[in-house]
PDB file of N, CA and C in Angstrom:
ATOM      1  N   MET A   1     -17.089  -7.764 -13.385  1.00  0.00           N
ATOM      2  CA  MET A   1     -16.566  -7.076 -11.952  1.00  0.00           C
ATOM      3  C   MET A   1     -15.177  -7.501 -12.049  1.00  0.00           C
ATOM      4  N   ILE A   2     -14.733  -8.382 -12.791  1.00  0.00           N
ATOM      5  CA  ILE A   2     -13.615  -9.279 -11.827  1.00  0.00           C
ATOM      6  C   ILE A   2     -12.293  -7.768 -12.424  1.00  0.00           C
ATOM      7  N   ASN A   3     -12.794  -6.895 -13.370  1.00  0.00           N
ATOM      8  CA  ASN A   3     -12.146  -5.921 -13.951  1.00  0.00           C
ATOM      9  C   ASN A   3     -12.259  -4.807 -12.646  1.00  0.00           C
ATOM     10  N   SER A   4     -13.602  -4.706 -12.079  1.00  0.00           N
ATOM     11  CA  SER A   4     -13.842  -3.155 -10.949  1.00  0.00           C
ATOM     12  C   SER A   4     -12.867  -4.263 -10.038  1.00  0.00           C
ATOM     13  N   THR A   5     -12.615  -5.107 -10.048  1.00  0.00           N
ATOM     14  CA  THR A   5     -11.473  -5.673  -8.459  1.00  0.00           C
ATOM     15  C   THR A   5     -10.167  -5.362  -9.310  1.00  0.00           C
ATOM     16  N   ILE A   6     -10.336  -5.844 -10.029  1.00  0.00           N
ATOM     17  CA  ILE A   6      -8.448  -4.605 -10.770  1.00  0.00           C
ATOM     18  C   ILE A   6      -7.749  -4.022 -10.042  1.00  0.00           C
ATOM     19  N   GLN A   7      -9.325  -2.505 -11.046  1.00  0.00           N
ATOM     20  CA  GLN A   7      -8.872  -1.606 -10.982  1.00  0.00           C
ATOM     21  C   GLN A   7      -9.517  -1.092  -9.489  1.00  0.00           C
ATOM     22  N   THR A   8     -10.139  -1.419  -8.511  1.00  0.00           N
ATOM     23  CA  THR A   8      -9.488  -1.444  -7.130  1.00  0.00           C
ATOM     24  C   THR A   8      -8.741  -1.383  -5.843  1.00  0.00           C
ATOM     25  N   GLY A   9      -7.931  -3.335  -6.877  1.00  0.00           N
ATOM     26  CA  GLY A   9      -6.153  -3.413  -6.244  1.00  0.00           C
ATOM     27  C   GLY A   9      -5.938  -1.913  -6.697  1.00  0.00           C
ATOM     28  N   THR A  10      -5.450  -2.109  -8.212  1.00  0.00           N
ATOM     29  CA  THR A  10      -4.395  -0.897  -8.574  1.00  0.00           C
ATOM     30  C   THR A  10      -4.678  -0.052  -7.699  1.00  0.00           C
ATOM     31  N   ALA A  11      -6.041   0.854  -7.249  1.00  0.00           N
ATOM     32  CA  ALA A  11      -6.177   2.025  -7.051  1.00  0.00           C
ATOM     33  C   ALA A  11      -5.920   2.187  -5.051  1.00  0.00           C
ATOM     34  N   GLY A  12      -5.915   0.898  -4.481  1.00  0.00           N
ATOM     35  CA  GLY A  12      -5.292   0.479  -3.562  1.00  0.00           C
ATOM     36  C   GLY A  12      -3.991   0.621  -3.426  1.00  0.00           C
ATOM     37  N   MET A  13      -3.399   0.481  -4.369  1.00  0.00           N
ATOM     38  CA  MET A  13      -1.661  -0.061  -4.571  1.00  0.00           C
ATOM     39  C   MET A  13      -1.261   1.266  -4.481  1.00  0.00           C
ATOM     40  N   ARG A  14      -1.951   2.293  -5.239  1.00  0.00           N
ATOM     41  CA  ARG A  14      -1.632   3.724  -5.388  1.00  0.00           C
ATOM     42  C   ARG A  14      -1.787   4.676  -4.328  1.00  0.00           C
ATOM     43  N   GLN A  15      -2.676   3.638  -3.818  1.00  0.00           N
ATOM     44  CA  GLN A  15      -3.261   4.494  -2.454  1.00  0.00           C
ATOM     45  C   GLN A  15      -1.726   4.287  -1.774  1.00  0.00           C
ATOM     46  N   GLY A  16      -1.714   3.208  -1.458  1.00  0.00           N
ATOM     47  CA  GLY A  16      -0.061   2.397   0.026  1.00  0.00           C
ATOM     48  C   GLY A  16       0.830   3.372  -0.770  1.00  0.00           C
ATOM     49  N   LEU A  17       1.566   2.861  -1.721  1.00  0.00           N
ATOM     50  CA  LEU A  17       2.609   3.858  -2.358  1.00  0.00           C
ATOM     51  C   LEU A  17       2.915   5.573  -1.979  1.00  0.00           C
ATOM     52  N   GLU A  18       1.822   6.014  -2.244  1.00  0.00           N
ATOM     53  CA  GLU A  18       1.415   6.789  -1.523  1.00  0.00           C
ATOM     54  C   GLU A  18       1.712   7.535  -0.388  1.00  0.00           C
ATOM     55  N   SER A  19       1.233   6.832   0.341  1.00  0.00           N
ATOM     56  CA  SER A  19       1.435   6.381   2.581  1.00  0.00           C
ATOM     57  C   SER A  19       2.693   6.207   2.516  1.00  0.00           C
ATOM     58  N   THR A  20       3.171   4.655   1.957  1.00  0.00           N
ATOM     59  CA  THR A  20       4.412   4.929   2.337  1.00  0.00           C
ATOM     60  C   THR A  20       5.805   5.955   1.587  1.00  0.00           C
ATOM     61  N   HIS A  21       5.643   6.624   0.371  1.00  0.00           N
ATOM     62  CA  HIS A  21       6.518   7.473   0.403  1.00  0.00           C
ATOM     63  C   HIS A  21       6.241   8.907   1.569  1.00  0.00           C
ATOM     64  N   GLN A  22       4.832   8.912   1.191  1.00  0.00           N
ATOM     65  CA  GLN A  22       5.273   9.972   2.184  1.00  0.00           C
ATOM     66  C   GLN A  22       5.576   9.614   4.049  1.00  0.00           C
ATOM     67  N   ALA A  23       5.243   8.807   4.451  1.00  0.00           N
ATOM     68  CA  ALA A  23       6.095   8.456   5.707  1.00  0.00           C
ATOM     69  C   ALA A  23       7.277   8.543   5.756  1.00  0.00           C
ATOM     70  N   ALA A  24       7.875   7.810   4.404  1.00  0.00           N
ATOM     71  CA  ALA A  24       8.887   7.691   4.621  1.00  0.00           C
ATOM     72  C   ALA A  24       9.772   9.854   4.994  1.00  0.00           C
ATOM     73  N   ASN A  25       9.337   9.890   4.090  1.00  0.00           N
ATOM     74  CA  ASN A  25       9.403  11.507   4.260  1.00  0.00           C
ATOM     75  C   ASN A  25       9.321  12.168   5.697  1.00  0.00           C
ATOM     76  N   ASP A  26       8.367  11.711   6.146  1.00  0.00           N
ATOM     77  CA  ASP A  26       8.357  12.134   7.530  1.00  0.00           C
ATOM     78  C   ASP A  26       9.519  11.909   8.349  1.00  0.00           C
ATOM     79  N   ILE A  27       9.584  10.220   8.184  1.00  0.00           N
ATOM     80  CA  ILE A  27      11.024   9.627   8.677  1.00  0.00           C
ATOM     81  C   ILE A  27      12.649  10.717   9.289  1.00  0.00           C
ATOM     82  N   VAL A  28      12.724  10.898   7.250  1.00  0.00           N
ATOM     83  CA  VAL A  28      13.928  11.437   7.175  1.00  0.00           C
ATOM     84  C   VAL A  28      13.261  13.167   7.596  1.00  0.00           C
ATOM     85  N   LYS A  29      12.269  14.007   8.126  1.00  0.00           N
ATOM     86  CA  LYS A  29      12.476  14.551   8.873  1.00  0.00           C
ATOM     87  C   LYS A  29      12.726  14.767   9.943  1.00  0.00           C
ATOM     88  N   VAL A  30      11.708  13.771  10.839  1.00  0.00           N
ATOM     89  CA  VAL A  30      12.135  13.217  12.298  1.00  0.00           C
ATOM     90  C   VAL A  30      13.122  13.100  12.445  1.00  0.00           C
ATOM     91  N   THR A  31      14.032  12.583  11.636  1.00  0.00           N
ATOM     92  CA  THR A  31      15.455  12.113  11.881  1.00  0.00           C
ATOM     93  C   THR A  31      16.431  13.585  11.687  1.00  0.00           C
ATOM     94  N   THR A  32      16.335  14.173  11.282  1.00  0.00           N
ATOM     95  CA  THR A  32      16.995  14.804  10.847  1.00  0.00           C
ATOM     96  C   THR A  32      17.019  16.465  11.546  1.00  0.00           C
ATOM     97  N   ALA A  33      15.285  15.649  12.695  1.00  0.00           N
ATOM     98  CA  ALA A  33      15.742  17.386  13.294  1.00  0.00           C
ATOM     99  C   ALA A  33      16.138  17.479  14.297  1.00  0.00           C
ATOM    100  N   SER A  34      16.193  18.663  14.211  1.00  0.00           N
ATOM    101  CA  SER A  34      17.214  19.121  15.343  1.00  0.00           C
ATOM    102  C   SER A  34      16.632  19.395  16.952  1.00  0.00           C
ATOM    103  N   ASN A  35      15.634  19.593  16.904  1.00  0.00           N
ATOM    104  CA  ASN A  35      14.911  19.556  18.066  1.00  0.00           C
ATOM    105  C   ASN A  35      13.920  17.936  18.513  1.00  0.00           C
ATOM    106  N   ASP A  36      14.035  17.766  20.457  1.00  0.00           N
ATOM    107  CA  ASP A  36      13.545  16.805  20.456  1.00  0.00           C
ATOM    108  C   ASP A  36      11.801  16.640  20.259  1.00  0.00           C
ATOM    109  N   ALA A  37      11.514  17.907  20.197  1.00  0.00           N
ATOM    110  CA  ALA A  37       9.113  18.112  19.934  1.00  0.00           C
ATOM    111  C   ALA A  37       9.323  17.671  18.812  1.00  0.00           C
ATOM    112  N   GLU A  38       9.658  17.645  17.822  1.00  0.00           N
ATOM    113  CA  GLU A  38      10.073  17.252  16.565  1.00  0.00           C
ATOM    114  C   GLU A  38      10.228  15.442  16.565  1.00  0.00           C
ATOM    115  N   ALA A  39      11.223  15.347  16.810  1.00  0.00           N
ATOM    116  CA  ALA A  39      11.312  13.656  16.998  1.00  0.00           C
ATOM    117  C   ALA A  39      10.971  12.992  17.132  1.00  0.00           C
ATOM    118  N   GLN A  40       9.507  13.614  18.306  1.00  0.00           N
ATOM    119  CA  GLN A  40       8.677  12.615  18.716  1.00  0.00           C
ATOM    120  C   GLN A  40       7.956  11.690  17.633  1.00  0.00           C
ATOM    121  N   GLY A  41       8.072  12.344  16.488  1.00  0.00           N
ATOM    122  CA  GLY A  41       7.243  12.200  15.948  1.00  0.00           C
ATOM    123  C   GLY A  41       7.069  10.150  14.765  1.00  0.00           C
ATOM    124  N   LEU A  42       8.586   9.936  15.278  1.00  0.00           N
ATOM    125  CA  LEU A  42       9.020   8.680  14.891  1.00  0.00           C
ATOM    126  C   LEU A  42       7.868   8.099  14.967  1.00  0.00           C
ATOM    127  N   PRO A  43       7.666   7.535  15.998  1.00  0.00           N
ATOM    128  CA  PRO A  43       6.744   6.704  16.213  1.00  0.00           C
ATOM    129  C   PRO A  43       5.769   6.031  15.402  1.00  0.00           C
ATOM    130  N   ASP A  44       5.024   7.372  15.210  1.00  0.00           N
ATOM    131  CA  ASP A  44       3.652   7.651  14.222  1.00  0.00           C
ATOM    132  C   ASP A  44       3.945   7.351  12.790  1.00  0.00           C
ATOM    133  N   ALA A  45       5.293   8.157  12.152  1.00  0.00           N
ATOM    134  CA  ALA A  45       6.037   8.239  10.989  1.00  0.00           C
ATOM    135  C   ALA A  45       6.518   6.156  11.001  1.00  0.00           C
ATOM    136  N   VAL A  46       6.915   6.079  11.702  1.00  0.00           N
ATOM    137  CA  VAL A  46       6.995   4.144  11.243  1.00  0.00           C
ATOM    138  C   VAL A  46       5.892   3.244  10.976  1.00  0.00           C
ATOM    139  N   VAL A  47       4.907   3.581  12.012  1.00  0.00           N
ATOM    140  CA  VAL A  47       3.168   3.160  12.220  1.00  0.00           C
ATOM    141  C   VAL A  47       2.981   3.253  10.636  1.00  0.00           C
ATOM    142  N   ALA A  48       3.082   4.824   9.915  1.00  0.00           N
ATOM    143  CA  ALA A  48       2.289   4.871   9.048  1.00  0.00           C
ATOM    144  C   ALA A  48       2.944   4.019   7.611  1.00  0.00           C
ATOM    145  N   LEU A  49       4.055   4.240   8.050  1.00  0.00           N
ATOM    146  CA  LEU A  49       5.631   3.304   7.046  1.00  0.00           C
ATOM    147  C   LEU A  49       4.966   2.025   6.826  1.00  0.00           C
ATOM    148  N   LYS A  50       4.803   1.478   7.921  1.00  0.00           N
ATOM    149  CA  LYS A  50       4.025  -0.243   8.024  1.00  0.00           C
ATOM    150  C   LYS A  50       2.751  -0.562   6.936  1.00  0.00           C
ATOM    151  N   GLN A  51       1.760   0.507   7.874  1.00  0.00           N
ATOM    152  CA  GLN A  51      -0.124   0.390   6.968  1.00  0.00           C
ATOM    153  C   GLN A  51       0.257   0.669   5.897  1.00  0.00           C
ATOM    154  N   GLY A  52       1.101   1.635   4.873  1.00  0.00           N
ATOM    155  CA  GLY A  52       0.950   1.702   3.657  1.00  0.00           C
ATOM    156  C   GLY A  52       1.926   0.783   3.085  1.00  0.00           C
ATOM    157  N   SER A  53       2.248   0.194   3.540  1.00  0.00           N
ATOM    158  CA  SER A  53       3.338  -1.388   3.117  1.00  0.00           C
ATOM    159  C   SER A  53       2.110  -2.028   2.882  1.00  0.00           C
ATOM    160  N   ARG A  54       1.850  -2.556   4.167  1.00  0.00           N
ATOM    161  CA  ARG A  54       0.175  -3.405   4.208  1.00  0.00           C
ATOM    162  C   ARG A  54      -0.601  -3.690   3.019  1.00  0.00           C
ATOM    163  N   GLN A  55      -0.615  -1.946   3.105  1.00  0.00           N
ATOM    164  CA  GLN A  55      -1.924  -1.763   2.017  1.00  0.00           C
ATOM    165  C   GLN A  55      -1.442  -1.937   0.408  1.00  0.00           C
ATOM    166  N   VAL A  56      -0.413  -2.170  -0.030  1.00  0.00           N
ATOM    167  CA  VAL A  56       0.194  -2.324  -0.896  1.00  0.00           C
ATOM    168  C   VAL A  56       0.093  -4.244  -0.761  1.00  0.00           C
ATOM    169  N   GLU A  57       1.101  -4.581  -0.222  1.00  0.00           N
ATOM    170  CA  GLU A  57       0.716  -6.151  -0.250  1.00  0.00           C
ATOM    171  C   GLU A  57      -0.979  -6.761  -0.250  1.00  0.00           C
ATOM    172  N   ALA A  58      -1.994  -6.089   0.570  1.00  0.00           N
ATOM    173  CA  ALA A  58      -3.532  -6.538   0.754  1.00  0.00           C
ATOM    174  C   ALA A  58      -3.723  -6.534  -1.490  1.00  0.00           C
ATOM    175  N   SER A  59      -3.275  -4.630  -1.138  1.00  0.00           N
ATOM    176  CA  SER A  59      -4.006  -4.632  -2.751  1.00  0.00           C
ATOM    177  C   SER A  59      -3.620  -5.789  -3.916  1.00  0.00           C
ATOM    178  N   ALA A  60      -2.352  -6.029  -3.227  1.00  0.00           N
ATOM    179  CA  ALA A  60      -1.316  -6.987  -4.743  1.00  0.00           C
ATOM    180  C   ALA A  60      -2.069  -8.266  -4.395  1.00  0.00           C
ATOM    181  N   THR A  61      -2.786  -8.715  -3.444  1.00  0.00           N
ATOM    182  CA  THR A  61      -3.084 -10.011  -3.202  1.00  0.00           C
ATOM    183  C   THR A  61      -4.447  -9.957  -3.434  1.00  0.00           C
ATOM    184  N   VAL A  62      -5.925  -8.583  -3.931  1.00  0.00           N
ATOM    185  CA  VAL A  62      -6.514  -8.563  -4.303  1.00  0.00           C
ATOM    186  C   VAL A  62      -6.648  -8.744  -6.215  1.00  0.00           C
ATOM    187  N   ILE A  63      -5.347  -7.976  -6.541  1.00  0.00           N
ATOM    188  CA  ILE A  63      -5.516  -8.101  -7.822  1.00  0.00           C
ATOM    189  C   ILE A  63      -4.969  -9.773  -7.808  1.00  0.00           C
ATOM    190  N   LYS A  64      -3.956  -9.930  -7.796  1.00  0.00           N
ATOM    191  CA  LYS A  64      -3.415 -11.896  -7.943  1.00  0.00           C
ATOM    192  C   LYS A  64      -5.274 -12.768  -7.987  1.00  0.00           C
ATOM    193  N   THR A  65      -5.875 -12.619  -7.335  1.00  0.00           N
ATOM    194  CA  THR A  65      -6.867 -13.531  -6.921  1.00  0.00           C
ATOM    195  C   THR A  65      -8.059 -12.832  -7.901  1.00  0.00           C
ATOM    196  N   ALA A  66      -8.356 -11.608  -8.138  1.00  0.00           N
ATOM    197  CA  ALA A  66      -8.704 -11.691  -9.649  1.00  0.00           C
ATOM    198  C   ALA A  66      -8.049 -11.829 -11.341  1.00  0.00           C
ATOM    199  N   ASP A  67      -7.117 -12.101 -10.930  1.00  0.00           N
ATOM    200  CA  ASP A  67      -6.688 -12.361 -12.003  1.00  0.00           C
ATOM    201  C   ASP A  67      -6.334 -13.864 -12.108  1.00  0.00           C
ATOM    202  N   GLU A  68      -6.904 -14.193 -11.046  1.00  0.00           N
ATOM    203  CA  GLU A  68      -6.682 -16.325 -10.510  1.00  0.00           C
ATOM    204  C   GLU A  68      -8.092 -16.522 -11.150  1.00  0.00           C
ATOM    205  N   THR A  69      -9.087 -15.594 -10.720  1.00  0.00           N
ATOM    206  CA  THR A  69     -10.177 -15.988 -10.925  1.00  0.00           C
ATOM    207  C   THR A  69     -10.916 -16.072 -12.436  1.00  0.00           C
ATOM    208  N   LEU A  70      -9.843 -14.791 -13.180  1.00  0.00           N
ATOM    209  CA  LEU A  70     -10.451 -14.819 -14.447  1.00  0.00           C
ATOM    210  C   LEU A  70      -9.739 -16.069 -15.072  1.00  0.00           C
ATOM    211  N   GLY A  71      -8.427 -16.548 -14.768  1.00  0.00           N
ATOM    212  CA  GLY A  71      -7.918 -17.052 -15.637  1.00  0.00           C
ATOM    213  C   GLY A  71      -8.647 -18.436 -15.651  1.00  0.00           C
ATOM    214  N   THR A  72      -9.475 -18.987 -13.967  1.00  0.00           N
ATOM    215  CA  THR A  72     -10.023 -20.310 -14.259  1.00  0.00           C
ATOM    216  C   THR A  72     -11.022 -19.986 -15.275  1.00  0.00           C
ATOM    217  N   LEU A  73     -12.172 -18.202 -14.784  1.00  0.00           N
ATOM    218  CA  LEU A  73     -13.176 -18.479 -15.808  1.00  0.00           C
ATOM    219  C   LEU A  73     -12.912 -18.783 -17.105  1.00  0.00           C
ATOM    220  N   ILE A  74     -12.170 -18.140 -17.834  1.00  0.00           N
ATOM    221  CA  ILE A  74     -11.379 -18.731 -19.239  1.00  0.00           C
ATOM    222  C   ILE A  74     -10.869 -20.278 -19.523  1.00  0.00           C
ATOM    223  N   ASP A  75     -10.638 -20.665 -18.333  1.00  0.00           N
ATOM    224  CA  ASP A  75      -9.950 -22.119 -18.552  1.00  0.00           C
ATOM    225  C   ASP A  75     -11.804 -22.895 -18.826  1.00  0.00           C
ATOM    226  N   THR A  76     -12.742 -22.339 -17.702  1.00  0.00           N
ATOM    227  CA  THR A  76     -14.256 -22.720 -17.421  1.00  0.00           C
ATOM    228  C   THR A  76     -14.816 -22.951 -19.513  1.00  0.00           C
ATOM    229  N   PHE A  77     -14.732 -21.990 -19.769  1.00  0.00           N
ATOM    230  CA  PHE A  77     -15.086 -21.439 -20.997  1.00  0.00           C
ATOM    231  C   PHE A  77     -14.506 -21.974 -22.224  1.00  0.00           C
ATOM    232  N   ARG A  78     -13.465 -22.421 -22.134  1.00  0.00           N
ATOM    233  CA  ARG A  78     -13.307 -22.914 -23.321  1.00  0.00           C
ATOM    234  C   ARG A  78     -13.256 -24.106 -24.200  1.00  0.00           C
TER     235      ARG A  78
END
């Protein structure tokens, strides 16, 4: 169970990093756009960047908690 939790956290971090990378690319595209219609996408790209960042943070917390739980279980059985 702990191992699957760590795998889930790792997958969440990977997905969050991919989302953050895509959002950063979108921000670059929007800020270098030559017309106002393309520049309208900036708020969405910034929100997506923040969401990706939060997903990475949450997934890191999942991994940390699973690691601490595993450590507690090992200490209990010593």
